[in-house]
């Protein structure tokens, strides 16, 4: 895991880049897609709605992977 106090890491977290959020689908296969994100200084927040597959995957299995 990256050191969150590292200036290089903070620069990435505060950037306007997309993140790739990977979740586990109902069949066990990974489901990855680009998403907007916001770093609030403690949490990474993603833009999504509760009707999306990604949200349903996270509710069913909270294990995720994030790549920025």
PDB file of N, CA and C in Angstrom:
ATOM      1  N   UNK A   1       0.848  -1.179   0.000  1.00  0.00           N
ATOM      2  CA  UNK A   1       0.000   0.000   0.000  1.00  0.00           C
ATOM      3  C   UNK A   1       0.895   1.244   0.000  1.00  0.00           C
ATOM      4  N   UNK A   2       0.473   2.259  -0.706  1.00  0.00           N
ATOM      5  CA  UNK A   2       1.246   3.493  -0.824  1.00  0.00           C
ATOM      6  C   UNK A   2       1.190   4.300   0.476  1.00  0.00           C
ATOM      7  N   UNK A   3       2.264   4.997   0.755  1.00  0.00           N
ATOM      8  CA  UNK A   3       2.321   5.897   1.922  1.00  0.00           C
ATOM      9  C   UNK A   3       1.556   7.169   1.566  1.00  0.00           C
ATOM     10  N   UNK A   4       0.441   7.412   2.236  1.00  0.00           N
ATOM     11  CA  UNK A   4      -0.447   8.517   1.868  1.00  0.00           C
ATOM     12  C   UNK A   4       0.128   9.897   2.168  1.00  0.00           C
ATOM     13  N   UNK A   5       1.153   9.981   2.985  1.00  0.00           N
ATOM     14  CA  UNK A   5       1.782  11.276   3.266  1.00  0.00           C
ATOM     15  C   UNK A   5       2.868  11.621   2.257  1.00  0.00           C
ATOM     16  N   UNK A   6       3.180  10.716   1.360  1.00  0.00           N
ATOM     17  CA  UNK A   6       4.191  10.942   0.340  1.00  0.00           C
ATOM     18  C   UNK A   6       3.675  12.004  -0.638  1.00  0.00           C
ATOM     19  N   UNK A   7       4.442  13.075  -0.883  1.00  0.00           N
ATOM     20  CA  UNK A   7       3.988  14.144  -1.792  1.00  0.00           C
ATOM     21  C   UNK A   7       3.621  13.640  -3.196  1.00  0.00           C
ATOM     22  N   UNK A   8       4.340  12.638  -3.700  1.00  0.00           N
ATOM     23  CA  UNK A   8       4.023  12.098  -5.033  1.00  0.00           C
ATOM     24  C   UNK A   8       2.659  11.401  -5.028  1.00  0.00           C
ATOM     25  N   UNK A   9       2.370  10.691  -3.949  1.00  0.00           N
ATOM     26  CA  UNK A   9       1.080  10.002  -3.830  1.00  0.00           C
ATOM     27  C   UNK A   9      -0.043  11.034  -3.694  1.00  0.00           C
ATOM     28  N   UNK A  10       0.164  12.049  -2.867  1.00  0.00           N
ATOM     29  CA  UNK A  10      -0.845  13.099  -2.695  1.00  0.00           C
ATOM     30  C   UNK A  10      -1.134  13.823  -4.010  1.00  0.00           C
ATOM     31  N   UNK A  11      -0.096  14.039  -4.803  1.00  0.00           N
ATOM     32  CA  UNK A  11      -0.281  14.700  -6.098  1.00  0.00           C
ATOM     33  C   UNK A  11      -1.188  13.865  -7.003  1.00  0.00           C
ATOM     34  N   UNK A  12      -1.008  12.557  -6.994  1.00  0.00           N
ATOM     35  CA  UNK A  12      -1.849  11.668  -7.792  1.00  0.00           C
ATOM     36  C   UNK A  12      -3.275  11.679  -7.260  1.00  0.00           C
ATOM     37  N   UNK A  13      -3.432  11.580  -5.939  1.00  0.00           N
ATOM     38  CA  UNK A  13      -4.763  11.548  -5.334  1.00  0.00           C
ATOM     39  C   UNK A  13      -5.541  12.841  -5.558  1.00  0.00           C
ATOM     40  N   UNK A  14      -4.829  13.957  -5.680  1.00  0.00           N
ATOM     41  CA  UNK A  14      -5.474  15.251  -5.882  1.00  0.00           C
ATOM     42  C   UNK A  14      -5.595  15.622  -7.360  1.00  0.00           C
ATOM     43  N   UNK A  15      -5.209  14.717  -8.245  1.00  0.00           N
ATOM     44  CA  UNK A  15      -5.235  14.992  -9.676  1.00  0.00           C
ATOM     45  C   UNK A  15      -6.655  14.855 -10.239  1.00  0.00           C
ATOM     46  N   UNK A  16      -6.793  15.180 -11.496  1.00  0.00           N
ATOM     47  CA  UNK A  16      -8.075  15.071 -12.204  1.00  0.00           C
ATOM     48  C   UNK A  16      -8.129  13.793 -13.045  1.00  0.00           C
ATOM     49  N   UNK A  17      -7.276  12.840 -12.736  1.00  0.00           N
ATOM     50  CA  UNK A  17      -7.226  11.589 -13.480  1.00  0.00           C
ATOM     51  C   UNK A  17      -8.453  10.730 -13.193  1.00  0.00           C
ATOM     52  N   UNK A  18      -8.679   9.772 -14.076  1.00  0.00           N
ATOM     53  CA  UNK A  18      -9.671   8.738 -13.814  1.00  0.00           C
ATOM     54  C   UNK A  18      -9.018   7.664 -12.946  1.00  0.00           C
ATOM     55  N   UNK A  19      -9.814   6.996 -12.166  1.00  0.00           N
ATOM     56  CA  UNK A  19      -9.358   5.797 -11.465  1.00  0.00           C
ATOM     57  C   UNK A  19     -10.032   4.612 -12.135  1.00  0.00           C
ATOM     58  N   UNK A  20      -9.421   3.459 -12.056  1.00  0.00           N
ATOM     59  CA  UNK A  20     -10.071   2.227 -12.499  1.00  0.00           C
ATOM     60  C   UNK A  20     -10.480   1.492 -11.242  1.00  0.00           C
ATOM     61  N   UNK A  21     -11.761   1.250 -11.112  1.00  0.00           N
ATOM     62  CA  UNK A  21     -12.307   0.546  -9.965  1.00  0.00           C
ATOM     63  C   UNK A  21     -12.717  -0.843 -10.418  1.00  0.00           C
ATOM     64  N   UNK A  22     -12.104  -1.861  -9.822  1.00  0.00           N
ATOM     65  CA  UNK A  22     -12.427  -3.246 -10.163  1.00  0.00           C
ATOM     66  C   UNK A  22     -13.212  -3.869  -9.019  1.00  0.00           C
ATOM     67  N   UNK A  23     -14.308  -4.520  -9.368  1.00  0.00           N
ATOM     68  CA  UNK A  23     -15.135  -5.238  -8.410  1.00  0.00           C
ATOM     69  C   UNK A  23     -15.272  -6.681  -8.886  1.00  0.00           C
ATOM     70  N   UNK A  24     -15.940  -7.482  -8.085  1.00  0.00           N
ATOM     71  CA  UNK A  24     -16.153  -8.884  -8.433  1.00  0.00           C
ATOM     72  C   UNK A  24     -17.614  -9.066  -8.812  1.00  0.00           C
ATOM     73  N   UNK A  25     -17.835  -9.536 -10.037  1.00  0.00           N
ATOM     74  CA  UNK A  25     -19.189  -9.746 -10.525  1.00  0.00           C
ATOM     75  C   UNK A  25     -19.847 -10.960  -9.878  1.00  0.00           C
ATOM     76  N   UNK A  26     -21.145 -11.152 -10.113  1.00  0.00           N
ATOM     77  CA  UNK A  26     -21.868 -12.255  -9.501  1.00  0.00           C
ATOM     78  C   UNK A  26     -21.330 -13.638  -9.893  1.00  0.00           C
ATOM     79  N   UNK A  27     -20.689 -13.705 -11.068  1.00  0.00           N
ATOM     80  CA  UNK A  27     -20.124 -14.981 -11.515  1.00  0.00           C
ATOM     81  C   UNK A  27     -18.686 -15.171 -11.062  1.00  0.00           C
ATOM     82  N   UNK A  28     -18.150 -14.201 -10.272  1.00  0.00           N
ATOM     83  CA  UNK A  28     -16.782 -14.293  -9.768  1.00  0.00           C
ATOM     84  C   UNK A  28     -15.746 -13.648 -10.668  1.00  0.00           C
ATOM     85  N   UNK A  29     -16.151 -13.163 -11.830  1.00  0.00           N
ATOM     86  CA  UNK A  29     -15.228 -12.520 -12.764  1.00  0.00           C
ATOM     87  C   UNK A  29     -15.006 -11.063 -12.363  1.00  0.00           C
ATOM     88  N   UNK A  30     -13.804 -10.532 -12.614  1.00  0.00           N
ATOM     89  CA  UNK A  30     -13.562  -9.123 -12.311  1.00  0.00           C
ATOM     90  C   UNK A  30     -14.339  -8.220 -13.261  1.00  0.00           C
ATOM     91  N   UNK A  31     -14.775  -7.086 -12.751  1.00  0.00           N
ATOM     92  CA  UNK A  31     -15.468  -6.088 -13.564  1.00  0.00           C
ATOM     93  C   UNK A  31     -14.773  -4.763 -13.286  1.00  0.00           C
ATOM     94  N   UNK A  32     -14.082  -4.229 -14.285  1.00  0.00           N
ATOM     95  CA  UNK A  32     -13.278  -3.027 -14.115  1.00  0.00           C
ATOM     96  C   UNK A  32     -13.760  -1.939 -15.063  1.00  0.00           C
ATOM     97  N   UNK A  33     -13.820  -0.709 -14.552  1.00  0.00           N
ATOM     98  CA  UNK A  33     -14.239   0.407 -15.395  1.00  0.00           C
ATOM     99  C   UNK A  33     -13.630   1.704 -14.871  1.00  0.00           C
ATOM    100  N   UNK A  34     -13.420   2.676 -15.783  1.00  0.00           N
ATOM    101  CA  UNK A  34     -12.904   3.976 -15.350  1.00  0.00           C
ATOM    102  C   UNK A  34     -13.988   4.764 -14.629  1.00  0.00           C
ATOM    103  N   UNK A  35     -13.582   5.494 -13.607  1.00  0.00           N
ATOM    104  CA  UNK A  35     -14.543   6.281 -12.832  1.00  0.00           C
ATOM    105  C   UNK A  35     -13.882   7.574 -12.363  1.00  0.00           C
ATOM    106  N   UNK A  36     -14.692   8.634 -12.248  1.00  0.00           N
ATOM    107  CA  UNK A  36     -14.236   9.849 -11.598  1.00  0.00           C
ATOM    108  C   UNK A  36     -14.099   9.551 -10.116  1.00  0.00           C
ATOM    109  N   UNK A  37     -13.159  10.211  -9.464  1.00  0.00           N
ATOM    110  CA  UNK A  37     -13.005  10.039  -8.028  1.00  0.00           C
ATOM    111  C   UNK A  37     -12.632  11.361  -7.384  1.00  0.00           C
ATOM    112  N   UNK A  38     -12.807  11.416  -6.093  1.00  0.00           N
ATOM    113  CA  UNK A  38     -12.439  12.585  -5.299  1.00  0.00           C
ATOM    114  C   UNK A  38     -11.732  12.104  -4.048  1.00  0.00           C
ATOM    115  N   UNK A  39     -10.579  12.666  -3.769  1.00  0.00           N
ATOM    116  CA  UNK A  39      -9.838  12.374  -2.540  1.00  0.00           C
ATOM    117  C   UNK A  39     -10.186  13.467  -1.545  1.00  0.00           C
ATOM    118  N   UNK A  40     -10.791  13.111  -0.418  1.00  0.00           N
ATOM    119  CA  UNK A  40     -11.184  14.122   0.572  1.00  0.00           C
ATOM    120  C   UNK A  40     -10.173  14.257   1.704  1.00  0.00           C
ATOM    121  N   UNK A  41      -9.027  13.637   1.559  1.00  0.00           N
ATOM    122  CA  UNK A  41      -7.990  13.694   2.580  1.00  0.00           C
ATOM    123  C   UNK A  41      -7.983  12.468   3.478  1.00  0.00           C
ATOM    124  N   UNK A  42      -9.069  11.702   3.421  1.00  0.00           N
ATOM    125  CA  UNK A  42      -9.161  10.475   4.210  1.00  0.00           C
ATOM    126  C   UNK A  42      -9.689   9.303   3.378  1.00  0.00           C
ATOM    127  N   UNK A  43     -10.635   9.589   2.499  1.00  0.00           N
ATOM    128  CA  UNK A  43     -11.269   8.553   1.697  1.00  0.00           C
ATOM    129  C   UNK A  43     -11.234   8.907   0.218  1.00  0.00           C
ATOM    130  N   UNK A  44     -11.218   7.869  -0.615  1.00  0.00           N
ATOM    131  CA  UNK A  44     -11.436   8.052  -2.047  1.00  0.00           C
ATOM    132  C   UNK A  44     -12.932   7.871  -2.266  1.00  0.00           C
ATOM    133  N   UNK A  45     -13.564   8.864  -2.871  1.00  0.00           N
ATOM    134  CA  UNK A  45     -14.999   8.808  -3.142  1.00  0.00           C
ATOM    135  C   UNK A  45     -15.204   8.683  -4.647  1.00  0.00           C
ATOM    136  N   UNK A  46     -16.137   7.805  -5.026  1.00  0.00           N
ATOM    137  CA  UNK A  46     -16.417   7.567  -6.432  1.00  0.00           C
ATOM    138  C   UNK A  46     -17.800   8.084  -6.792  1.00  0.00           C
ATOM    139  N   UNK A  47     -17.954   8.455  -8.048  1.00  0.00           N
ATOM    140  CA  UNK A  47     -19.262   8.882  -8.540  1.00  0.00           C
ATOM    141  C   UNK A  47     -19.960   7.682  -9.143  1.00  0.00           C
ATOM    142  N   UNK A  48     -21.036   7.277  -8.546  1.00  0.00           N
ATOM    143  CA  UNK A  48     -21.864   6.208  -9.094  1.00  0.00           C
ATOM    144  C   UNK A  48     -23.247   6.267  -8.453  1.00  0.00           C
ATOM    145  N   UNK A  49     -24.178   5.571  -9.049  1.00  0.00           N
ATOM    146  CA  UNK A  49     -25.525   5.531  -8.491  1.00  0.00           C
ATOM    147  C   UNK A  49     -25.815   4.116  -7.990  1.00  0.00           C
ATOM    148  N   UNK A  50     -26.825   4.000  -7.174  1.00  0.00           N
ATOM    149  CA  UNK A  50     -27.160   2.705  -6.589  1.00  0.00           C
ATOM    150  C   UNK A  50     -27.787   1.741  -7.594  1.00  0.00           C
ATOM    151  N   UNK A  51     -28.106   2.225  -8.786  1.00  0.00           N
ATOM    152  CA  UNK A  51     -28.707   1.352  -9.794  1.00  0.00           C
ATOM    153  C   UNK A  51     -27.660   0.698 -10.696  1.00  0.00           C
ATOM    154  N   UNK A  52     -26.408   1.082 -10.542  1.00  0.00           N
ATOM    155  CA  UNK A  52     -25.349   0.554 -11.410  1.00  0.00           C
ATOM    156  C   UNK A  52     -24.843  -0.804 -10.932  1.00  0.00           C
ATOM    157  N   UNK A  53     -24.331  -1.581 -11.879  1.00  0.00           N
ATOM    158  CA  UNK A  53     -23.771  -2.897 -11.604  1.00  0.00           C
ATOM    159  C   UNK A  53     -22.616  -2.804 -10.603  1.00  0.00           C
ATOM    160  N   UNK A  54     -21.785  -1.789 -10.761  1.00  0.00           N
ATOM    161  CA  UNK A  54     -20.623  -1.616  -9.874  1.00  0.00           C
ATOM    162  C   UNK A  54     -21.075  -1.514  -8.418  1.00  0.00           C
ATOM    163  N   UNK A  55     -22.085  -0.708  -8.158  1.00  0.00           N
ATOM    164  CA  UNK A  55     -22.603  -0.546  -6.791  1.00  0.00           C
ATOM    165  C   UNK A  55     -23.145  -1.875  -6.270  1.00  0.00           C
ATOM    166  N   UNK A  56     -23.886  -2.580  -7.099  1.00  0.00           N
ATOM    167  CA  UNK A  56     -24.441  -3.869  -6.693  1.00  0.00           C
ATOM    168  C   UNK A  56     -23.339  -4.873  -6.385  1.00  0.00           C
ATOM    169  N   UNK A  57     -22.264  -4.852  -7.179  1.00  0.00           N
ATOM    170  CA  UNK A  57     -21.123  -5.736  -6.918  1.00  0.00           C
ATOM    171  C   UNK A  57     -20.495  -5.435  -5.561  1.00  0.00           C
ATOM    172  N   UNK A  58     -20.328  -4.155  -5.252  1.00  0.00           N
ATOM    173  CA  UNK A  58     -19.703  -3.766  -3.982  1.00  0.00           C
ATOM    174  C   UNK A  58     -20.596  -4.139  -2.803  1.00  0.00           C
ATOM    175  N   UNK A  59     -21.893  -3.965  -2.941  1.00  0.00           N
ATOM    176  CA  UNK A  59     -22.819  -4.350  -1.860  1.00  0.00           C
ATOM    177  C   UNK A  59     -22.744  -5.857  -1.598  1.00  0.00           C
ATOM    178  N   UNK A  60     -22.616  -6.644  -2.660  1.00  0.00           N
ATOM    179  CA  UNK A  60     -22.580  -8.093  -2.525  1.00  0.00           C
ATOM    180  C   UNK A  60     -21.218  -8.564  -1.991  1.00  0.00           C
ATOM    181  N   UNK A  61     -20.132  -7.958  -2.494  1.00  0.00           N
ATOM    182  CA  UNK A  61     -18.773  -8.350  -2.108  1.00  0.00           C
ATOM    183  C   UNK A  61     -17.923  -7.091  -2.054  1.00  0.00           C
ATOM    184  N   UNK A  62     -17.580  -6.589  -0.865  1.00  0.00           N
ATOM    185  CA  UNK A  62     -16.899  -5.295  -0.754  1.00  0.00           C
ATOM    186  C   UNK A  62     -15.420  -5.288  -1.147  1.00  0.00           C
ATOM    187  N   UNK A  63     -14.878  -6.410  -1.590  1.00  0.00           N
ATOM    188  CA  UNK A  63     -13.479  -6.410  -2.025  1.00  0.00           C
ATOM    189  C   UNK A  63     -13.363  -5.672  -3.353  1.00  0.00           C
ATOM    190  N   UNK A  64     -12.488  -4.678  -3.397  1.00  0.00           N
ATOM    191  CA  UNK A  64     -12.277  -3.891  -4.614  1.00  0.00           C
ATOM    192  C   UNK A  64     -10.787  -3.670  -4.831  1.00  0.00           C
ATOM    193  N   UNK A  65     -10.456  -3.251  -6.027  1.00  0.00           N
ATOM    194  CA  UNK A  65      -9.108  -2.831  -6.364  1.00  0.00           C
ATOM    195  C   UNK A  65      -9.214  -1.474  -7.055  1.00  0.00           C
ATOM    196  N   UNK A  66      -8.290  -0.563  -6.724  1.00  0.00           N
ATOM    197  CA  UNK A  66      -8.297   0.777  -7.306  1.00  0.00           C
ATOM    198  C   UNK A  66      -6.937   1.043  -7.943  1.00  0.00           C
ATOM    199  N   UNK A  67      -6.963   1.538  -9.164  1.00  0.00           N
ATOM    200  CA  UNK A  67      -5.740   1.912  -9.877  1.00  0.00           C
ATOM    201  C   UNK A  67      -5.907   3.331 -10.378  1.00  0.00           C
ATOM    202  N   UNK A  68      -4.975   4.204 -10.018  1.00  0.00           N
ATOM    203  CA  UNK A  68      -5.013   5.592 -10.484  1.00  0.00           C
ATOM    204  C   UNK A  68      -3.777   5.846 -11.309  1.00  0.00           C
TER     205      UNK A  68
END
